Amino acid sequence: MLAIFDVDGTISDSQHHITHAMALGFEAVGLTPLPASEVLSIVGLSLPEALMRLLPDAPQATRDAVVEGYKASYKSARAASPAPLYPGAKDLLDRLQAREDTVLAVATGKSRRGLRALVEHHGLERHFVSLQCADDHPSKPHPAMVQAALEETGMEAAQAVMIGDTSYDIEMGRAAGLRTIGVAWGYHPLDALEAAGVDHIVHDFKELEALLTRLTEEVA
């Protein structure tokens, strides 16, 4: 089984970094920061796509300036205090990585630099055999990241599952022909996951591990 994980809102609780950096990006161009709930609604998208949704009527130059301000602020916050993993995430990834019947991958809207920094900080370098990020692919929910992970690992869609906290993750997985698992602790409400057509919803890492074990047995 290939288990493809989203990062922000799924294994890493980076909401404070994200909302703070976006607020500073807005302030840098003289705009009033948006409510945190609105900012978290775009988590998972690449930054240009996210700003298109947050500032649909703004000039492109303004959106570009917010993106640059966000990147600079997020980089500073990451250097000072990297985003934590959710309690239980590292233990689950350790157990899954040790299994012979499971391969792990990442598909995230984070930049390559941001993803590498998080992976290295939390000692996950050996866990994921495929790291797909926003620098190399169209924004979610385009299926390119998932398709690249399948190709890199030699897996078929029927042997894989996409795990994420947003409707973009679910839509991306479905577009690539994968089964999908939505996590209840992330940044999109459950009704958004259900509207996106999620196959399963889990409420903690123990439940996620049990579901992955069952799905793995089904495709064995």
N, C-alpha and C. Protein backbone atom coordinates (compact mmCIF):
# COMPACT_ATOMS: atom_id res chain seq x y z
N MET A 1 0.84 -1.20 0.00
CA MET A 1 0.00 0.00 0.00
C MET A 1 0.88 1.25 0.00
N LEU A 2 0.54 2.19 -0.85
CA LEU A 2 1.18 3.50 -0.85
C LEU A 2 0.26 4.47 -0.12
N ALA A 3 0.73 5.01 0.99
CA ALA A 3 -0.03 5.99 1.76
C ALA A 3 0.58 7.36 1.50
N ILE A 4 -0.19 8.23 0.82
CA ILE A 4 0.28 9.56 0.48
C ILE A 4 -0.32 10.56 1.47
N PHE A 5 0.54 11.25 2.17
CA PHE A 5 0.11 12.19 3.20
C PHE A 5 0.22 13.64 2.75
N ASP A 6 -0.81 14.40 3.01
CA ASP A 6 -0.69 15.85 3.03
C ASP A 6 0.14 16.22 4.27
N VAL A 7 0.58 17.47 4.37
CA VAL A 7 1.40 17.88 5.52
C VAL A 7 0.65 18.84 6.44
N ASP A 8 0.45 20.08 6.00
CA ASP A 8 -0.18 21.09 6.87
C ASP A 8 -1.62 20.72 7.19
N GLY A 9 -1.90 20.58 8.48
CA GLY A 9 -3.25 20.22 8.90
C GLY A 9 -3.49 18.73 8.96
N THR A 10 -2.51 17.95 8.50
CA THR A 10 -2.65 16.49 8.52
C THR A 10 -1.64 15.85 9.45
N ILE A 11 -0.36 16.12 9.22
CA ILE A 11 0.65 15.63 10.17
C ILE A 11 1.32 16.78 10.93
N SER A 12 1.25 18.00 10.39
CA SER A 12 1.88 19.15 11.03
C SER A 12 0.85 20.23 11.34
N ASP A 13 0.88 20.75 12.57
CA ASP A 13 -0.05 21.80 12.96
C ASP A 13 0.62 23.16 12.76
N SER A 14 0.57 23.64 11.53
CA SER A 14 1.29 24.85 11.14
C SER A 14 0.38 26.07 11.03
N GLN A 15 -0.82 26.00 11.58
CA GLN A 15 -1.78 27.08 11.38
C GLN A 15 -1.29 28.42 11.89
N HIS A 16 -0.57 28.43 13.01
CA HIS A 16 -0.10 29.71 13.56
C HIS A 16 0.96 30.33 12.66
N HIS A 17 1.85 29.51 12.11
CA HIS A 17 2.82 30.03 11.15
C HIS A 17 2.11 30.61 9.93
N ILE A 18 1.12 29.88 9.43
CA ILE A 18 0.44 30.27 8.20
C ILE A 18 -0.35 31.56 8.39
N THR A 19 -1.16 31.62 9.43
CA THR A 19 -2.01 32.80 9.63
C THR A 19 -1.16 34.03 9.95
N HIS A 20 -0.10 33.86 10.73
CA HIS A 20 0.76 34.99 11.08
C HIS A 20 1.49 35.51 9.84
N ALA A 21 2.03 34.60 9.04
CA ALA A 21 2.76 35.01 7.84
C ALA A 21 1.83 35.69 6.85
N MET A 22 0.61 35.20 6.70
CA MET A 22 -0.34 35.81 5.78
C MET A 22 -0.74 37.20 6.27
N ALA A 23 -0.92 37.35 7.58
CA ALA A 23 -1.26 38.67 8.13
C ALA A 23 -0.15 39.68 7.83
N LEU A 24 1.10 39.27 8.02
CA LEU A 24 2.22 40.16 7.73
C LEU A 24 2.32 40.47 6.24
N GLY A 25 2.00 39.47 5.40
CA GLY A 25 2.01 39.71 3.96
C GLY A 25 0.97 40.73 3.55
N PHE A 26 -0.21 40.66 4.14
CA PHE A 26 -1.26 41.64 3.86
C PHE A 26 -0.84 43.02 4.36
N GLU A 27 -0.34 43.08 5.58
CA GLU A 27 0.05 44.37 6.15
C GLU A 27 1.15 45.05 5.35
N ALA A 28 2.03 44.25 4.76
CA ALA A 28 3.14 44.80 3.99
C ALA A 28 2.67 45.60 2.78
N VAL A 29 1.47 45.31 2.27
CA VAL A 29 0.94 46.05 1.13
C VAL A 29 -0.21 46.96 1.55
N GLY A 30 -0.37 47.14 2.85
CA GLY A 30 -1.38 48.07 3.34
C GLY A 30 -2.78 47.52 3.42
N LEU A 31 -2.92 46.20 3.43
CA LEU A 31 -4.24 45.58 3.50
C LEU A 31 -4.51 45.08 4.91
N THR A 32 -5.78 45.08 5.29
CA THR A 32 -6.18 44.54 6.58
C THR A 32 -6.14 43.02 6.53
N PRO A 33 -5.48 42.38 7.47
CA PRO A 33 -5.43 40.90 7.46
C PRO A 33 -6.81 40.29 7.52
N LEU A 34 -6.94 39.14 6.91
CA LEU A 34 -8.21 38.41 6.89
C LEU A 34 -8.37 37.57 8.16
N PRO A 35 -9.60 37.19 8.51
CA PRO A 35 -9.80 36.29 9.66
C PRO A 35 -9.05 34.98 9.45
N ALA A 36 -8.60 34.38 10.54
CA ALA A 36 -7.83 33.14 10.46
C ALA A 36 -8.60 32.05 9.73
N SER A 37 -9.90 31.98 9.96
CA SER A 37 -10.70 30.92 9.32
C SER A 37 -10.67 31.03 7.81
N GLU A 38 -10.64 32.26 7.30
CA GLU A 38 -10.59 32.45 5.85
C GLU A 38 -9.23 32.06 5.30
N VAL A 39 -8.18 32.40 6.03
CA VAL A 39 -6.83 32.03 5.60
C VAL A 39 -6.66 30.51 5.60
N LEU A 40 -7.15 29.86 6.65
CA LEU A 40 -6.99 28.40 6.74
C LEU A 40 -7.80 27.68 5.66
N SER A 41 -8.80 28.34 5.10
CA SER A 41 -9.60 27.69 4.06
C SER A 41 -8.81 27.44 2.79
N ILE A 42 -7.68 28.14 2.62
CA ILE A 42 -6.89 27.96 1.39
C ILE A 42 -5.64 27.12 1.62
N VAL A 43 -5.45 26.61 2.84
CA VAL A 43 -4.30 25.76 3.12
C VAL A 43 -4.34 24.54 2.20
N GLY A 44 -3.21 24.25 1.59
CA GLY A 44 -3.14 23.13 0.65
C GLY A 44 -2.94 23.60 -0.79
N LEU A 45 -3.42 24.80 -1.09
CA LEU A 45 -3.21 25.36 -2.42
C LEU A 45 -1.81 25.94 -2.51
N SER A 46 -1.28 26.05 -3.74
CA SER A 46 -0.03 26.76 -3.91
C SER A 46 -0.30 28.24 -3.62
N LEU A 47 0.74 28.99 -3.25
CA LEU A 47 0.54 30.38 -2.85
C LEU A 47 -0.12 31.24 -3.92
N PRO A 48 0.29 31.18 -5.19
CA PRO A 48 -0.39 32.01 -6.19
C PRO A 48 -1.88 31.69 -6.29
N GLU A 49 -2.23 30.42 -6.26
CA GLU A 49 -3.64 30.03 -6.32
C GLU A 49 -4.37 30.49 -5.07
N ALA A 50 -3.72 30.37 -3.91
CA ALA A 50 -4.34 30.81 -2.65
C ALA A 50 -4.64 32.30 -2.68
N LEU A 51 -3.71 33.11 -3.18
CA LEU A 51 -3.93 34.55 -3.23
C LEU A 51 -4.98 34.94 -4.26
N MET A 52 -5.10 34.15 -5.32
CA MET A 52 -6.18 34.38 -6.28
C MET A 52 -7.54 34.25 -5.60
N ARG A 53 -7.64 33.31 -4.68
CA ARG A 53 -8.90 33.09 -3.98
C ARG A 53 -9.13 34.10 -2.86
N LEU A 54 -8.04 34.47 -2.18
CA LEU A 54 -8.19 35.42 -1.08
C LEU A 54 -8.36 36.86 -1.56
N LEU A 55 -7.72 37.20 -2.69
CA LEU A 55 -7.78 38.57 -3.23
C LEU A 55 -8.16 38.53 -4.71
N PRO A 56 -9.35 38.05 -5.02
CA PRO A 56 -9.71 37.87 -6.44
C PRO A 56 -9.77 39.17 -7.24
N ASP A 57 -10.02 40.30 -6.56
CA ASP A 57 -10.17 41.56 -7.29
C ASP A 57 -8.93 42.45 -7.23
N ALA A 58 -7.89 41.99 -6.55
CA ALA A 58 -6.67 42.79 -6.41
C ALA A 58 -5.82 42.70 -7.67
N PRO A 59 -5.03 43.74 -7.95
CA PRO A 59 -4.09 43.65 -9.07
C PRO A 59 -3.08 42.52 -8.85
N GLN A 60 -2.60 41.95 -9.93
CA GLN A 60 -1.64 40.86 -9.81
C GLN A 60 -0.40 41.29 -9.05
N ALA A 61 0.01 42.53 -9.23
CA ALA A 61 1.20 43.02 -8.53
C ALA A 61 0.99 43.00 -7.02
N THR A 62 -0.23 43.28 -6.58
CA THR A 62 -0.53 43.24 -5.14
C THR A 62 -0.47 41.82 -4.63
N ARG A 63 -1.07 40.89 -5.37
CA ARG A 63 -1.03 39.49 -4.96
C ARG A 63 0.41 38.99 -4.91
N ASP A 64 1.21 39.36 -5.91
CA ASP A 64 2.61 38.94 -5.92
C ASP A 64 3.35 39.48 -4.70
N ALA A 65 3.06 40.71 -4.32
CA ALA A 65 3.74 41.31 -3.17
C ALA A 65 3.34 40.60 -1.88
N VAL A 66 2.08 40.21 -1.76
CA VAL A 66 1.63 39.47 -0.58
C VAL A 66 2.34 38.12 -0.52
N VAL A 67 2.46 37.45 -1.66
CA VAL A 67 3.16 36.16 -1.71
C VAL A 67 4.59 36.32 -1.20
N GLU A 68 5.29 37.34 -1.66
CA GLU A 68 6.68 37.54 -1.24
C GLU A 68 6.75 37.87 0.24
N GLY A 69 5.82 38.67 0.73
CA GLY A 69 5.79 38.98 2.15
C GLY A 69 5.49 37.76 2.99
N TYR A 70 4.59 36.93 2.50
CA TYR A 70 4.27 35.67 3.20
C TYR A 70 5.50 34.77 3.27
N LYS A 71 6.17 34.61 2.15
CA LYS A 71 7.33 33.73 2.12
C LYS A 71 8.41 34.18 3.10
N ALA A 72 8.68 35.49 3.12
CA ALA A 72 9.71 36.00 4.01
C ALA A 72 9.32 35.81 5.47
N SER A 73 8.05 36.07 5.78
CA SER A 73 7.60 35.93 7.17
C SER A 73 7.58 34.48 7.60
N TYR A 74 7.14 33.59 6.72
CA TYR A 74 7.08 32.17 7.06
C TYR A 74 8.48 31.61 7.25
N LYS A 75 9.40 32.04 6.40
CA LYS A 75 10.78 31.56 6.53
C LYS A 75 11.37 31.96 7.88
N SER A 76 11.11 33.20 8.31
CA SER A 76 11.62 33.66 9.61
C SER A 76 11.01 32.87 10.75
N ALA A 77 9.69 32.64 10.67
CA ALA A 77 9.01 31.89 11.73
C ALA A 77 9.51 30.46 11.79
N ARG A 78 9.73 29.85 10.62
CA ARG A 78 10.21 28.47 10.55
C ARG A 78 11.60 28.35 11.16
N ALA A 79 12.45 29.35 10.88
CA ALA A 79 13.80 29.32 11.41
C ALA A 79 13.81 29.46 12.93
N ALA A 80 12.89 30.26 13.45
CA ALA A 80 12.84 30.48 14.90
C ALA A 80 12.23 29.30 15.64
N SER A 81 11.18 28.72 15.06
CA SER A 81 10.46 27.63 15.72
C SER A 81 9.68 26.83 14.70
N PRO A 82 10.24 25.76 14.16
CA PRO A 82 9.53 24.96 13.15
C PRO A 82 8.17 24.48 13.65
N ALA A 83 7.22 24.38 12.72
CA ALA A 83 5.88 23.94 13.08
C ALA A 83 5.92 22.55 13.70
N PRO A 84 5.15 22.32 14.76
CA PRO A 84 5.16 21.01 15.41
C PRO A 84 4.34 19.98 14.63
N LEU A 85 4.64 18.73 14.85
CA LEU A 85 3.77 17.66 14.39
C LEU A 85 2.63 17.50 15.38
N TYR A 86 1.51 17.01 14.89
CA TYR A 86 0.42 16.69 15.81
C TYR A 86 0.85 15.56 16.73
N PRO A 87 0.41 15.58 17.98
CA PRO A 87 0.74 14.48 18.90
C PRO A 87 0.31 13.14 18.31
N GLY A 88 1.22 12.21 18.25
CA GLY A 88 0.93 10.89 17.70
C GLY A 88 1.33 10.72 16.25
N ALA A 89 1.58 11.83 15.54
CA ALA A 89 1.91 11.71 14.12
C ALA A 89 3.24 11.00 13.90
N LYS A 90 4.26 11.41 14.63
CA LYS A 90 5.58 10.80 14.44
C LYS A 90 5.55 9.31 14.79
N ASP A 91 4.86 8.95 15.86
CA ASP A 91 4.77 7.54 16.25
C ASP A 91 4.11 6.71 15.16
N LEU A 92 3.04 7.24 14.59
CA LEU A 92 2.37 6.52 13.51
C LEU A 92 3.28 6.37 12.31
N LEU A 93 3.93 7.45 11.91
CA LEU A 93 4.83 7.38 10.75
C LEU A 93 5.97 6.41 10.99
N ASP A 94 6.48 6.37 12.22
CA ASP A 94 7.53 5.40 12.55
C ASP A 94 7.05 3.97 12.34
N ARG A 95 5.85 3.68 12.82
CA ARG A 95 5.31 2.32 12.71
C ARG A 95 5.02 1.96 11.25
N LEU A 96 4.47 2.90 10.50
CA LEU A 96 4.16 2.63 9.10
C LEU A 96 5.43 2.43 8.28
N GLN A 97 6.46 3.24 8.57
CA GLN A 97 7.71 3.13 7.83
C GLN A 97 8.40 1.79 8.07
N ALA A 98 8.15 1.20 9.23
CA ALA A 98 8.78 -0.08 9.57
C ALA A 98 8.06 -1.26 8.93
N ARG A 99 6.88 -1.04 8.39
CA ARG A 99 6.11 -2.15 7.81
C ARG A 99 6.60 -2.48 6.40
N GLU A 100 6.65 -3.74 6.08
CA GLU A 100 7.09 -4.16 4.76
C GLU A 100 5.99 -4.00 3.71
N ASP A 101 4.74 -3.88 4.15
CA ASP A 101 3.63 -3.80 3.21
C ASP A 101 3.15 -2.37 2.96
N THR A 102 3.89 -1.38 3.47
CA THR A 102 3.46 0.01 3.36
C THR A 102 4.61 0.90 2.90
N VAL A 103 4.31 1.78 1.95
CA VAL A 103 5.25 2.78 1.46
C VAL A 103 4.62 4.15 1.68
N LEU A 104 5.43 5.10 2.12
CA LEU A 104 4.92 6.43 2.46
C LEU A 104 5.40 7.49 1.47
N ALA A 105 4.52 8.44 1.19
CA ALA A 105 4.85 9.56 0.31
C ALA A 105 4.16 10.82 0.85
N VAL A 106 4.57 11.96 0.30
CA VAL A 106 3.99 13.25 0.66
C VAL A 106 3.53 13.96 -0.61
N ALA A 107 2.37 14.61 -0.52
CA ALA A 107 1.89 15.50 -1.57
C ALA A 107 1.39 16.76 -0.87
N THR A 108 2.12 17.86 -1.01
CA THR A 108 1.84 19.04 -0.22
C THR A 108 1.92 20.32 -1.04
N GLY A 109 1.16 21.31 -0.60
CA GLY A 109 1.24 22.64 -1.20
C GLY A 109 2.42 23.45 -0.70
N LYS A 110 3.21 22.90 0.20
CA LYS A 110 4.39 23.59 0.70
C LYS A 110 5.46 23.70 -0.38
N SER A 111 6.36 24.63 -0.20
CA SER A 111 7.52 24.71 -1.09
C SER A 111 8.47 23.57 -0.80
N ARG A 112 9.39 23.31 -1.74
CA ARG A 112 10.39 22.27 -1.52
C ARG A 112 11.26 22.60 -0.31
N ARG A 113 11.65 23.86 -0.19
CA ARG A 113 12.49 24.27 0.95
C ARG A 113 11.74 24.08 2.26
N GLY A 114 10.48 24.48 2.30
CA GLY A 114 9.70 24.33 3.52
C GLY A 114 9.48 22.88 3.89
N LEU A 115 9.22 22.06 2.89
CA LEU A 115 9.00 20.64 3.15
C LEU A 115 10.28 19.98 3.66
N ARG A 116 11.40 20.27 3.02
CA ARG A 116 12.67 19.69 3.46
C ARG A 116 13.01 20.11 4.89
N ALA A 117 12.75 21.37 5.21
CA ALA A 117 13.04 21.86 6.56
C ALA A 117 12.22 21.12 7.60
N LEU A 118 10.94 20.91 7.31
CA LEU A 118 10.07 20.20 8.26
C LEU A 118 10.50 18.74 8.40
N VAL A 119 10.75 18.08 7.28
CA VAL A 119 11.15 16.68 7.30
C VAL A 119 12.44 16.50 8.10
N GLU A 120 13.41 17.36 7.86
CA GLU A 120 14.69 17.23 8.55
C GLU A 120 14.57 17.56 10.03
N HIS A 121 13.80 18.58 10.36
CA HIS A 121 13.66 18.98 11.76
C HIS A 121 13.04 17.86 12.60
N HIS A 122 12.09 17.15 12.02
CA HIS A 122 11.38 16.12 12.77
C HIS A 122 11.94 14.71 12.53
N GLY A 123 13.08 14.62 11.84
CA GLY A 123 13.72 13.33 11.65
C GLY A 123 12.94 12.37 10.78
N LEU A 124 12.35 12.87 9.70
CA LEU A 124 11.52 12.04 8.83
C LEU A 124 12.19 11.75 7.48
N GLU A 125 13.49 11.97 7.39
CA GLU A 125 14.18 11.81 6.10
C GLU A 125 14.04 10.41 5.52
N ARG A 126 14.00 9.40 6.37
CA ARG A 126 13.96 8.01 5.89
C ARG A 126 12.53 7.47 5.76
N HIS A 127 11.56 8.26 6.13
CA HIS A 127 10.19 7.75 6.16
C HIS A 127 9.51 7.78 4.80
N PHE A 128 9.75 8.84 4.02
CA PHE A 128 9.01 9.03 2.77
C PHE A 128 9.90 8.72 1.56
N VAL A 129 9.39 7.87 0.69
CA VAL A 129 10.15 7.52 -0.50
C VAL A 129 9.86 8.48 -1.65
N SER A 130 8.84 9.31 -1.51
CA SER A 130 8.49 10.27 -2.55
C SER A 130 7.99 11.54 -1.88
N LEU A 131 8.59 12.68 -2.25
CA LEU A 131 8.22 13.98 -1.70
C LEU A 131 7.78 14.88 -2.84
N GLN A 132 6.49 15.11 -2.96
CA GLN A 132 5.94 15.94 -4.03
C GLN A 132 5.43 17.25 -3.43
N CYS A 133 5.81 18.38 -4.07
CA CYS A 133 5.48 19.68 -3.50
C CYS A 133 5.05 20.67 -4.58
N ALA A 134 4.66 21.86 -4.11
CA ALA A 134 4.08 22.87 -5.00
C ALA A 134 5.08 23.41 -6.01
N ASP A 135 6.38 23.34 -5.72
CA ASP A 135 7.37 23.89 -6.65
C ASP A 135 7.41 23.14 -7.98
N ASP A 136 6.99 21.88 -7.97
CA ASP A 136 7.18 21.02 -9.14
C ASP A 136 5.89 20.67 -9.88
N HIS A 137 4.75 21.10 -9.37
CA HIS A 137 3.48 20.65 -9.94
C HIS A 137 2.43 21.76 -9.90
N PRO A 138 1.36 21.60 -10.69
CA PRO A 138 0.22 22.50 -10.55
C PRO A 138 -0.37 22.38 -9.14
N SER A 139 -1.07 23.42 -8.73
CA SER A 139 -1.67 23.43 -7.40
C SER A 139 -2.73 22.33 -7.26
N LYS A 140 -2.86 21.82 -6.04
CA LYS A 140 -4.03 20.98 -5.74
C LYS A 140 -5.27 21.79 -6.13
N PRO A 141 -6.34 21.14 -6.59
CA PRO A 141 -6.58 19.70 -6.61
C PRO A 141 -6.15 18.98 -7.89
N HIS A 142 -5.31 19.61 -8.71
CA HIS A 142 -4.77 18.91 -9.88
C HIS A 142 -4.06 17.64 -9.39
N PRO A 143 -4.22 16.51 -10.08
CA PRO A 143 -3.68 15.24 -9.60
C PRO A 143 -2.20 15.01 -9.87
N ALA A 144 -1.48 15.99 -10.39
CA ALA A 144 -0.09 15.76 -10.82
C ALA A 144 0.80 15.25 -9.70
N MET A 145 0.66 15.79 -8.50
CA MET A 145 1.52 15.36 -7.39
C MET A 145 1.30 13.88 -7.08
N VAL A 146 0.04 13.47 -7.05
CA VAL A 146 -0.27 12.08 -6.76
C VAL A 146 0.23 11.17 -7.89
N GLN A 147 0.04 11.60 -9.11
CA GLN A 147 0.49 10.80 -10.25
C GLN A 147 2.01 10.65 -10.22
N ALA A 148 2.72 11.70 -9.83
CA ALA A 148 4.18 11.61 -9.74
C ALA A 148 4.61 10.65 -8.64
N ALA A 149 3.89 10.66 -7.51
CA ALA A 149 4.20 9.73 -6.42
C ALA A 149 3.96 8.29 -6.85
N LEU A 150 2.90 8.05 -7.59
CA LEU A 150 2.62 6.71 -8.10
C LEU A 150 3.74 6.25 -9.03
N GLU A 151 4.15 7.12 -9.92
CA GLU A 151 5.19 6.77 -10.88
C GLU A 151 6.52 6.50 -10.18
N GLU A 152 6.85 7.35 -9.20
CA GLU A 152 8.13 7.21 -8.52
C GLU A 152 8.21 5.94 -7.69
N THR A 153 7.07 5.52 -7.13
CA THR A 153 7.07 4.33 -6.28
C THR A 153 6.69 3.06 -7.03
N GLY A 154 6.24 3.20 -8.28
CA GLY A 154 5.85 2.04 -9.06
C GLY A 154 4.53 1.44 -8.63
N MET A 155 3.70 2.21 -7.97
CA MET A 155 2.42 1.73 -7.49
C MET A 155 1.29 2.09 -8.47
N GLU A 156 0.22 1.31 -8.42
CA GLU A 156 -0.99 1.63 -9.17
C GLU A 156 -1.94 2.39 -8.26
N ALA A 157 -2.87 3.11 -8.88
CA ALA A 157 -3.83 3.89 -8.09
C ALA A 157 -4.63 3.01 -7.14
N ALA A 158 -4.94 1.80 -7.56
CA ALA A 158 -5.71 0.88 -6.72
C ALA A 158 -4.95 0.44 -5.48
N GLN A 159 -3.63 0.65 -5.49
CA GLN A 159 -2.79 0.25 -4.35
C GLN A 159 -2.46 1.43 -3.44
N ALA A 160 -3.12 2.56 -3.66
CA ALA A 160 -2.73 3.78 -2.94
C ALA A 160 -3.92 4.47 -2.32
N VAL A 161 -3.62 5.33 -1.35
CA VAL A 161 -4.65 6.11 -0.68
C VAL A 161 -4.09 7.50 -0.40
N MET A 162 -4.94 8.51 -0.54
CA MET A 162 -4.56 9.90 -0.25
C MET A 162 -5.15 10.28 1.10
N ILE A 163 -4.31 10.85 1.98
CA ILE A 163 -4.72 11.21 3.33
C ILE A 163 -4.54 12.71 3.51
N GLY A 164 -5.61 13.42 3.83
CA GLY A 164 -5.49 14.86 3.99
C GLY A 164 -6.62 15.46 4.79
N ASP A 165 -6.49 16.76 5.04
CA ASP A 165 -7.48 17.44 5.89
C ASP A 165 -8.35 18.42 5.13
N THR A 166 -8.09 18.63 3.83
CA THR A 166 -8.85 19.62 3.08
C THR A 166 -9.58 18.99 1.89
N SER A 167 -10.56 19.73 1.41
CA SER A 167 -11.28 19.28 0.22
C SER A 167 -10.35 19.17 -0.98
N TYR A 168 -9.30 20.01 -1.02
CA TYR A 168 -8.35 19.95 -2.14
C TYR A 168 -7.60 18.62 -2.15
N ASP A 169 -7.26 18.11 -0.97
CA ASP A 169 -6.60 16.81 -0.89
C ASP A 169 -7.51 15.71 -1.41
N ILE A 170 -8.76 15.77 -0.99
CA ILE A 170 -9.72 14.74 -1.39
C ILE A 170 -9.97 14.80 -2.89
N GLU A 171 -10.17 16.00 -3.41
CA GLU A 171 -10.42 16.15 -4.84
C GLU A 171 -9.21 15.70 -5.66
N MET A 172 -8.01 16.01 -5.18
CA MET A 172 -6.79 15.58 -5.86
C MET A 172 -6.68 14.06 -5.89
N GLY A 173 -6.91 13.43 -4.75
CA GLY A 173 -6.85 11.97 -4.70
C GLY A 173 -7.87 11.31 -5.61
N ARG A 174 -9.08 11.83 -5.58
CA ARG A 174 -10.14 11.25 -6.42
C ARG A 174 -9.82 11.44 -7.90
N ALA A 175 -9.26 12.60 -8.25
CA ALA A 175 -8.93 12.87 -9.65
C ALA A 175 -7.87 11.90 -10.16
N ALA A 176 -7.04 11.40 -9.24
CA ALA A 176 -6.00 10.43 -9.63
C ALA A 176 -6.49 8.99 -9.51
N GLY A 177 -7.73 8.80 -9.09
CA GLY A 177 -8.29 7.46 -8.99
C GLY A 177 -8.00 6.74 -7.70
N LEU A 178 -7.59 7.49 -6.65
CA LEU A 178 -7.26 6.87 -5.37
C LEU A 178 -8.45 6.89 -4.42
N ARG A 179 -8.42 5.95 -3.46
CA ARG A 179 -9.30 6.09 -2.31
C ARG A 179 -8.77 7.22 -1.45
N THR A 180 -9.66 7.83 -0.68
CA THR A 180 -9.27 9.01 0.08
C THR A 180 -9.68 8.87 1.54
N ILE A 181 -8.83 9.43 2.41
CA ILE A 181 -9.10 9.46 3.85
C ILE A 181 -9.00 10.91 4.31
N GLY A 182 -10.05 11.41 4.93
CA GLY A 182 -10.04 12.75 5.49
C GLY A 182 -9.81 12.68 6.99
N VAL A 183 -8.98 13.59 7.50
CA VAL A 183 -8.73 13.63 8.93
C VAL A 183 -9.55 14.75 9.55
N ALA A 184 -10.11 14.49 10.72
CA ALA A 184 -11.05 15.41 11.34
C ALA A 184 -10.39 16.53 12.12
N TRP A 185 -9.05 16.47 12.30
CA TRP A 185 -8.38 17.44 13.16
C TRP A 185 -7.76 18.60 12.38
N GLY A 186 -7.98 18.68 11.08
CA GLY A 186 -7.31 19.67 10.25
C GLY A 186 -8.07 20.96 10.07
N TYR A 187 -7.89 21.59 8.89
CA TYR A 187 -8.32 22.96 8.68
C TYR A 187 -9.61 23.13 7.88
N HIS A 188 -10.14 22.07 7.29
CA HIS A 188 -11.44 22.16 6.63
C HIS A 188 -12.48 21.40 7.44
N PRO A 189 -13.70 21.92 7.51
CA PRO A 189 -14.75 21.22 8.26
C PRO A 189 -15.12 19.90 7.58
N LEU A 190 -15.70 19.02 8.37
CA LEU A 190 -16.02 17.68 7.85
C LEU A 190 -17.01 17.75 6.69
N ASP A 191 -17.92 18.71 6.72
CA ASP A 191 -18.90 18.77 5.62
C ASP A 191 -18.22 19.13 4.30
N ALA A 192 -17.10 19.85 4.35
CA ALA A 192 -16.36 20.15 3.13
C ALA A 192 -15.69 18.89 2.58
N LEU A 193 -15.18 18.04 3.47
CA LEU A 193 -14.59 16.78 3.04
C LEU A 193 -15.65 15.86 2.44
N GLU A 194 -16.80 15.83 3.08
CA GLU A 194 -17.89 14.99 2.58
C GLU A 194 -18.38 15.48 1.23
N ALA A 195 -18.47 16.80 1.07
CA ALA A 195 -18.90 17.36 -0.21
C ALA A 195 -17.91 17.04 -1.33
N ALA A 196 -16.64 16.90 -0.96
CA ALA A 196 -15.60 16.57 -1.94
C ALA A 196 -15.60 15.09 -2.31
N GLY A 197 -16.40 14.28 -1.60
CA GLY A 197 -16.52 12.86 -1.92
C GLY A 197 -15.55 11.96 -1.19
N VAL A 198 -15.14 12.36 0.01
CA VAL A 198 -14.18 11.55 0.77
C VAL A 198 -14.72 10.15 1.03
N ASP A 199 -13.85 9.16 0.98
CA ASP A 199 -14.27 7.77 1.19
C ASP A 199 -14.35 7.41 2.67
N HIS A 200 -13.41 7.94 3.46
CA HIS A 200 -13.37 7.62 4.90
C HIS A 200 -12.97 8.88 5.66
N ILE A 201 -13.46 9.00 6.88
CA ILE A 201 -13.03 10.07 7.78
C ILE A 201 -12.57 9.43 9.08
N VAL A 202 -11.41 9.86 9.58
CA VAL A 202 -10.87 9.35 10.84
C VAL A 202 -10.71 10.50 11.82
N HIS A 203 -10.77 10.17 13.11
CA HIS A 203 -10.79 11.21 14.14
C HIS A 203 -9.52 11.24 14.99
N ASP A 204 -8.64 10.27 14.83
CA ASP A 204 -7.36 10.29 15.53
C ASP A 204 -6.40 9.36 14.81
N PHE A 205 -5.13 9.38 15.21
CA PHE A 205 -4.12 8.58 14.52
C PHE A 205 -4.29 7.08 14.75
N LYS A 206 -4.86 6.72 15.87
CA LYS A 206 -5.13 5.31 16.12
C LYS A 206 -6.15 4.78 15.12
N GLU A 207 -7.20 5.56 14.90
CA GLU A 207 -8.22 5.16 13.92
C GLU A 207 -7.64 5.14 12.52
N LEU A 208 -6.77 6.10 12.21
CA LEU A 208 -6.14 6.13 10.89
C LEU A 208 -5.28 4.88 10.68
N GLU A 209 -4.51 4.51 11.68
CA GLU A 209 -3.66 3.33 11.55
C GLU A 209 -4.48 2.07 11.33
N ALA A 210 -5.57 1.92 12.06
CA ALA A 210 -6.43 0.75 11.90
C ALA A 210 -7.03 0.70 10.51
N LEU A 211 -7.44 1.86 10.00
CA LEU A 211 -8.03 1.90 8.65
C LEU A 211 -6.98 1.57 7.60
N LEU A 212 -5.78 2.10 7.73
CA LEU A 212 -4.73 1.79 6.77
C LEU A 212 -4.39 0.30 6.78
N THR A 213 -4.39 -0.30 7.95
CA THR A 213 -4.13 -1.74 8.05
C THR A 213 -5.20 -2.52 7.30
N ARG A 214 -6.45 -2.13 7.48
CA ARG A 214 -7.54 -2.83 6.80
C ARG A 214 -7.46 -2.66 5.28
N LEU A 215 -7.21 -1.42 4.83
CA LEU A 215 -7.12 -1.18 3.39
C LEU A 215 -5.94 -1.90 2.77
N THR A 216 -4.84 -2.00 3.51
CA THR A 216 -3.66 -2.72 3.03
C THR A 216 -3.97 -4.19 2.85
N GLU A 217 -4.69 -4.77 3.79
CA GLU A 217 -5.06 -6.16 3.69
C GLU A 217 -5.98 -6.41 2.51
N GLU A 218 -6.83 -5.45 2.18
CA GLU A 218 -7.76 -5.59 1.07
C GLU A 218 -7.06 -5.62 -0.28
N VAL A 219 -5.93 -4.93 -0.41
CA VAL A 219 -5.24 -4.88 -1.69
C VAL A 219 -4.09 -5.88 -1.77
N ALA A 220 -3.84 -6.59 -0.68
CA ALA A 220 -2.72 -7.54 -0.66
C ALA A 220 -2.97 -8.70 -1.62
